N, C-alpha and C. Protein backbone atom coordinates (compact mmCIF):
# COMPACT_ATOMS: atom_id res chain seq x y z
N MET A 1 130.96 40.11 84.47
CA MET A 1 129.54 40.48 84.17
C MET A 1 129.12 39.06 83.32
N ALA A 2 127.94 38.81 83.71
CA ALA A 2 127.38 37.39 83.18
C ALA A 2 126.25 37.56 82.12
N SER A 3 125.50 38.64 82.12
CA SER A 3 124.57 38.69 81.04
C SER A 3 124.16 40.45 80.84
N LEU A 4 123.62 40.77 79.81
CA LEU A 4 123.21 42.07 79.45
C LEU A 4 121.86 41.82 78.89
N ALA A 5 120.84 42.83 79.25
CA ALA A 5 119.41 42.55 78.84
C ALA A 5 119.02 44.14 78.49
N ASP A 6 117.96 44.12 77.69
CA ASP A 6 117.26 45.32 77.47
C ASP A 6 115.88 45.27 77.99
N ILE A 7 115.33 46.46 78.61
CA ILE A 7 114.05 46.36 79.15
C ILE A 7 113.45 47.65 78.67
N TYR A 8 112.16 47.47 78.20
CA TYR A 8 111.46 48.56 77.74
C TYR A 8 110.43 48.98 78.70
N VAL A 9 110.27 50.15 78.95
CA VAL A 9 109.34 50.93 80.01
C VAL A 9 108.52 51.97 79.22
N LYS A 10 107.20 51.86 79.43
CA LYS A 10 106.38 52.88 78.55
C LYS A 10 106.45 54.21 79.51
N ILE A 11 106.24 55.20 78.77
CA ILE A 11 106.26 56.54 79.48
C ILE A 11 105.06 56.56 80.55
N GLU A 12 103.85 55.87 80.27
CA GLU A 12 102.93 56.04 81.20
C GLU A 12 103.27 55.25 82.65
N THR A 13 104.14 54.36 82.42
CA THR A 13 104.47 53.59 83.51
C THR A 13 105.58 54.34 84.53
N LEU A 14 106.40 55.12 83.73
CA LEU A 14 107.32 56.00 84.37
C LEU A 14 106.40 57.08 85.15
N GLU A 15 105.41 57.67 84.39
CA GLU A 15 104.61 58.70 85.04
C GLU A 15 103.99 58.28 86.47
N THR A 16 103.45 56.91 86.31
CA THR A 16 102.65 56.30 87.35
C THR A 16 103.78 56.20 88.45
N LEU A 17 104.84 55.54 88.05
CA LEU A 17 105.97 55.42 89.32
C LEU A 17 106.29 56.87 89.79
N LEU A 18 106.60 57.85 89.14
CA LEU A 18 106.90 59.18 89.71
C LEU A 18 105.79 59.71 90.59
N LYS A 19 104.53 59.66 89.99
CA LYS A 19 103.39 60.13 90.82
C LYS A 19 103.15 59.32 92.14
N THR A 20 103.41 58.04 92.17
CA THR A 20 103.38 57.24 93.35
C THR A 20 104.48 57.64 94.28
N LEU A 21 105.58 57.73 93.92
CA LEU A 21 106.74 58.05 94.71
C LEU A 21 106.50 59.36 95.33
N LYS A 22 105.99 60.34 94.67
CA LYS A 22 105.89 61.79 95.10
C LYS A 22 104.69 61.70 96.15
N ALA A 23 103.66 60.85 95.98
CA ALA A 23 102.57 60.84 96.84
C ALA A 23 102.97 60.13 98.06
N LYS A 24 103.98 59.12 98.16
CA LYS A 24 104.39 58.48 99.30
C LYS A 24 105.64 59.23 99.83
N ASN A 25 106.10 60.33 99.16
CA ASN A 25 107.29 61.11 99.70
C ASN A 25 108.54 60.20 99.70
N GLU A 26 108.74 59.38 98.77
CA GLU A 26 110.00 58.50 98.80
C GLU A 26 110.99 59.15 97.75
N LYS A 27 112.13 58.77 97.89
CA LYS A 27 113.26 59.28 97.18
C LYS A 27 113.79 58.28 96.10
N GLY A 28 113.18 57.05 96.10
CA GLY A 28 113.53 56.16 95.14
C GLY A 28 112.66 54.92 95.37
N ILE A 29 113.06 53.70 94.36
CA ILE A 29 112.26 52.64 94.39
C ILE A 29 113.13 51.56 94.06
N ASN A 30 112.82 50.33 94.71
CA ASN A 30 113.67 49.15 94.37
C ASN A 30 112.80 48.25 93.24
N ILE A 31 113.55 47.88 92.26
CA ILE A 31 112.91 47.25 91.12
C ILE A 31 113.54 45.90 91.14
N THR A 32 112.65 44.79 91.01
CA THR A 32 113.18 43.49 90.97
C THR A 32 113.13 43.15 89.39
N VAL A 33 114.23 42.50 89.00
CA VAL A 33 114.36 42.03 87.52
C VAL A 33 114.26 40.43 87.40
N SER A 34 113.45 40.01 86.73
CA SER A 34 113.41 38.48 86.62
C SER A 34 113.79 37.98 85.24
N GLN A 35 114.70 37.15 85.27
CA GLN A 35 115.12 36.54 83.97
C GLN A 35 114.61 34.95 83.81
N ASP A 36 114.17 34.68 82.72
CA ASP A 36 113.56 33.42 82.63
C ASP A 36 114.46 32.58 81.65
N ASP A 37 114.43 31.34 81.70
CA ASP A 37 115.30 30.49 80.83
C ASP A 37 114.56 30.16 79.43
N LYS A 38 113.20 30.49 79.34
CA LYS A 38 112.44 30.35 78.28
C LYS A 38 112.05 31.68 77.81
N THR A 39 111.78 32.01 76.32
CA THR A 39 111.36 33.06 75.75
C THR A 39 109.81 32.86 75.55
N ASN A 40 109.08 33.94 75.82
CA ASN A 40 107.65 33.98 75.85
C ASN A 40 107.16 34.22 74.23
N GLU A 41 106.01 34.16 74.04
CA GLU A 41 105.35 34.42 72.55
C GLU A 41 105.63 35.83 72.11
N TYR A 42 106.18 36.77 72.85
CA TYR A 42 106.46 38.09 72.46
C TYR A 42 107.93 38.19 72.28
N GLY A 43 108.74 37.26 72.41
CA GLY A 43 110.24 37.36 72.48
C GLY A 43 110.94 37.92 73.58
N SER A 44 110.35 37.84 74.68
CA SER A 44 110.84 38.51 75.92
C SER A 44 111.24 37.33 76.85
N ASN A 45 112.26 37.40 77.65
CA ASN A 45 112.38 36.61 78.84
C ASN A 45 113.05 37.22 80.04
N VAL A 46 112.82 38.49 80.07
CA VAL A 46 113.00 39.36 81.18
C VAL A 46 111.80 40.26 81.59
N SER A 47 111.56 40.26 82.89
CA SER A 47 110.48 41.30 83.31
C SER A 47 111.00 41.99 84.52
N ALA A 48 110.49 43.16 84.79
CA ALA A 48 110.83 44.03 85.88
C ALA A 48 109.54 44.54 86.49
N TYR A 49 109.59 44.39 87.81
CA TYR A 49 108.36 44.91 88.71
C TYR A 49 108.94 45.60 89.97
N VAL A 50 108.00 46.32 90.55
CA VAL A 50 108.32 46.90 91.95
C VAL A 50 108.66 45.90 93.00
N SER A 51 109.64 46.06 93.60
CA SER A 51 109.99 44.79 94.56
C SER A 51 109.03 44.87 95.71
N GLN A 52 108.61 43.71 96.05
CA GLN A 52 107.64 43.48 97.16
C GLN A 52 108.29 43.00 98.46
N SER A 53 107.60 43.33 99.64
CA SER A 53 108.09 42.88 100.89
C SER A 53 107.60 41.38 101.21
N LYS A 54 108.25 40.64 101.99
CA LYS A 54 107.89 39.43 102.45
C LYS A 54 106.39 39.24 102.69
N GLU A 55 105.85 40.30 103.38
CA GLU A 55 104.43 40.32 103.79
C GLU A 55 103.52 40.49 102.54
N ASP A 56 103.93 41.12 101.55
CA ASP A 56 103.31 41.28 100.22
C ASP A 56 103.23 40.05 99.57
N ARG A 57 104.37 39.36 99.43
CA ARG A 57 104.65 38.11 98.72
C ARG A 57 103.69 37.08 99.31
N GLU A 58 103.71 36.97 100.66
CA GLU A 58 102.95 36.02 101.45
C GLU A 58 101.38 36.12 101.39
N ALA A 59 101.08 37.61 101.18
CA ALA A 59 99.53 37.99 100.96
C ALA A 59 99.16 37.83 99.57
N LYS A 60 100.09 37.38 98.62
CA LYS A 60 99.80 37.19 97.30
C LYS A 60 99.37 38.50 96.68
N LYS A 61 100.09 39.61 97.10
CA LYS A 61 99.59 40.83 96.38
C LYS A 61 99.95 40.97 94.93
N ASN A 62 99.37 41.59 94.08
CA ASN A 62 99.56 41.72 92.55
C ASN A 62 100.97 42.43 92.60
N LYS A 63 101.79 42.07 91.61
CA LYS A 63 103.08 42.74 91.50
C LYS A 63 102.74 43.96 90.40
N PHE A 64 103.37 45.00 90.53
CA PHE A 64 103.24 46.26 89.50
C PHE A 64 104.33 46.02 88.60
N TYR A 65 104.09 45.53 87.42
CA TYR A 65 105.07 45.35 86.41
C TYR A 65 105.58 46.73 85.84
N VAL A 66 106.73 46.93 85.75
CA VAL A 66 107.34 48.11 85.17
C VAL A 66 107.60 47.92 83.67
N GLY A 67 108.27 46.67 83.32
CA GLY A 67 108.62 46.72 81.89
C GLY A 67 109.02 45.27 81.71
N ASN A 68 109.38 44.94 80.32
CA ASN A 68 109.92 43.66 79.93
C ASN A 68 110.94 43.78 78.83
N GLY A 69 111.58 42.76 78.55
CA GLY A 69 112.62 42.84 77.58
C GLY A 69 113.17 41.34 77.35
N LYS A 70 114.56 41.44 76.90
CA LYS A 70 115.22 40.11 76.70
C LYS A 70 116.72 40.26 76.90
N VAL A 71 117.33 39.25 77.32
CA VAL A 71 118.67 39.09 77.37
C VAL A 71 119.18 38.97 76.02
N PHE A 72 120.24 39.81 75.85
CA PHE A 72 120.79 39.78 74.43
C PHE A 72 122.28 39.41 74.28
N TRP A 73 122.87 39.20 75.57
CA TRP A 73 124.09 38.61 75.56
C TRP A 73 124.52 37.95 76.87
N THR A 74 125.13 36.72 76.84
CA THR A 74 125.32 36.08 78.21
C THR A 74 126.80 35.27 78.07
N ASN A 75 127.44 35.15 79.06
CA ASN A 75 128.67 34.25 79.09
C ASN A 75 128.26 32.86 79.73
N GLY A 76 126.96 32.71 80.02
CA GLY A 76 126.44 31.54 80.56
C GLY A 76 126.56 31.29 82.17
N THR A 77 127.25 32.26 82.67
CA THR A 77 127.47 32.22 84.32
C THR A 77 126.75 33.40 84.98
N VAL A 78 125.92 33.12 85.85
CA VAL A 78 125.32 34.11 86.75
C VAL A 78 125.94 33.88 88.19
N SER A 79 126.20 34.98 88.94
CA SER A 79 126.68 34.81 90.16
C SER A 79 125.86 35.68 91.22
N LEU A 80 125.68 35.14 92.37
CA LEU A 80 124.78 35.91 93.27
C LEU A 80 125.78 37.02 93.91
N ALA A 81 124.96 38.15 94.20
CA ALA A 81 125.71 39.17 94.75
C ALA A 81 125.97 39.02 96.27
N GLU A 82 127.00 39.57 96.77
CA GLU A 82 127.39 39.38 98.24
C GLU A 82 126.30 39.96 99.06
N LYS A 83 125.96 39.31 99.99
CA LYS A 83 124.89 39.99 101.00
C LYS A 83 125.54 41.22 101.89
N ARG A 84 124.76 42.15 102.00
CA ARG A 84 125.13 43.27 102.78
C ARG A 84 124.67 43.25 104.15
N ASP A 85 125.33 44.00 105.07
CA ASP A 85 124.83 44.14 106.45
C ASP A 85 123.57 44.68 106.40
N LYS A 86 122.54 44.23 107.36
CA LYS A 86 121.24 44.82 107.45
C LYS A 86 121.11 46.23 107.63
N GLY A 87 122.27 47.05 108.20
CA GLY A 87 122.16 48.39 108.32
C GLY A 87 122.55 49.23 107.30
N GLN A 88 122.87 48.65 106.04
CA GLN A 88 123.30 49.45 104.82
C GLN A 88 122.30 49.82 103.86
N ARG A 89 121.15 49.12 103.92
CA ARG A 89 120.07 49.55 103.06
C ARG A 89 118.95 50.22 103.87
N PRO A 90 118.58 51.49 103.18
CA PRO A 90 117.63 52.22 103.68
C PRO A 90 116.18 51.50 103.74
N ALA A 91 115.46 51.62 104.81
CA ALA A 91 114.10 50.99 104.93
C ALA A 91 113.27 51.75 104.22
N GLN A 92 112.23 51.12 103.54
CA GLN A 92 111.16 51.74 102.85
C GLN A 92 110.08 52.06 103.79
N ALA A 93 109.39 53.23 103.59
CA ALA A 93 108.28 53.56 104.48
C ALA A 93 107.00 52.57 104.17
N LYS A 94 106.31 52.14 105.12
CA LYS A 94 105.07 51.38 104.99
C LYS A 94 103.93 52.28 104.70
N ALA A 95 103.30 52.01 103.49
CA ALA A 95 102.25 52.80 103.08
C ALA A 95 100.88 52.28 103.65
N ASP A 96 99.95 53.11 103.96
CA ASP A 96 98.62 52.71 104.10
C ASP A 96 97.87 51.83 102.99
N ASP A 97 97.32 50.75 103.21
CA ASP A 97 96.55 49.99 102.24
C ASP A 97 95.20 50.57 101.68
N ASP A 98 94.77 51.64 102.33
CA ASP A 98 93.55 52.22 101.84
C ASP A 98 93.55 53.31 100.93
N ASP A 99 94.68 53.42 100.07
CA ASP A 99 94.78 54.47 99.11
C ASP A 99 94.62 53.73 97.79
N ASP A 100 94.73 54.59 96.61
CA ASP A 100 94.60 53.81 95.25
C ASP A 100 95.81 53.80 94.53
N LEU A 101 96.87 53.93 95.30
CA LEU A 101 98.26 53.84 94.71
C LEU A 101 98.69 52.34 94.25
N PRO A 102 99.28 52.18 93.07
CA PRO A 102 99.50 50.73 92.55
C PRO A 102 100.53 49.93 93.41
N PHE A 103 101.18 50.59 94.10
CA PHE A 103 102.20 49.71 94.91
C PHE A 103 102.56 50.62 96.20
């Protein structure tokens, strides 16, 4: 283990996530966690947001932030996870862009 972090998620954000997942008939969600080398003015250096597809990133779509926090322990080493075969990860359903869902 290379680091441990706390992430705070507001109840309103959890409710939005659940509402959106139910509306899209999804069983779960991928969350991306970003860890920065510098601490911001609020004492945070970790943020979490709903993972985006390559197309969403290229289209510069806004991220839906879930929470933020801070690293509270590290041994100074972070390793990349081993890549899986493409067939092991379930595909996410593509949602229509004409709804008012946040992600």
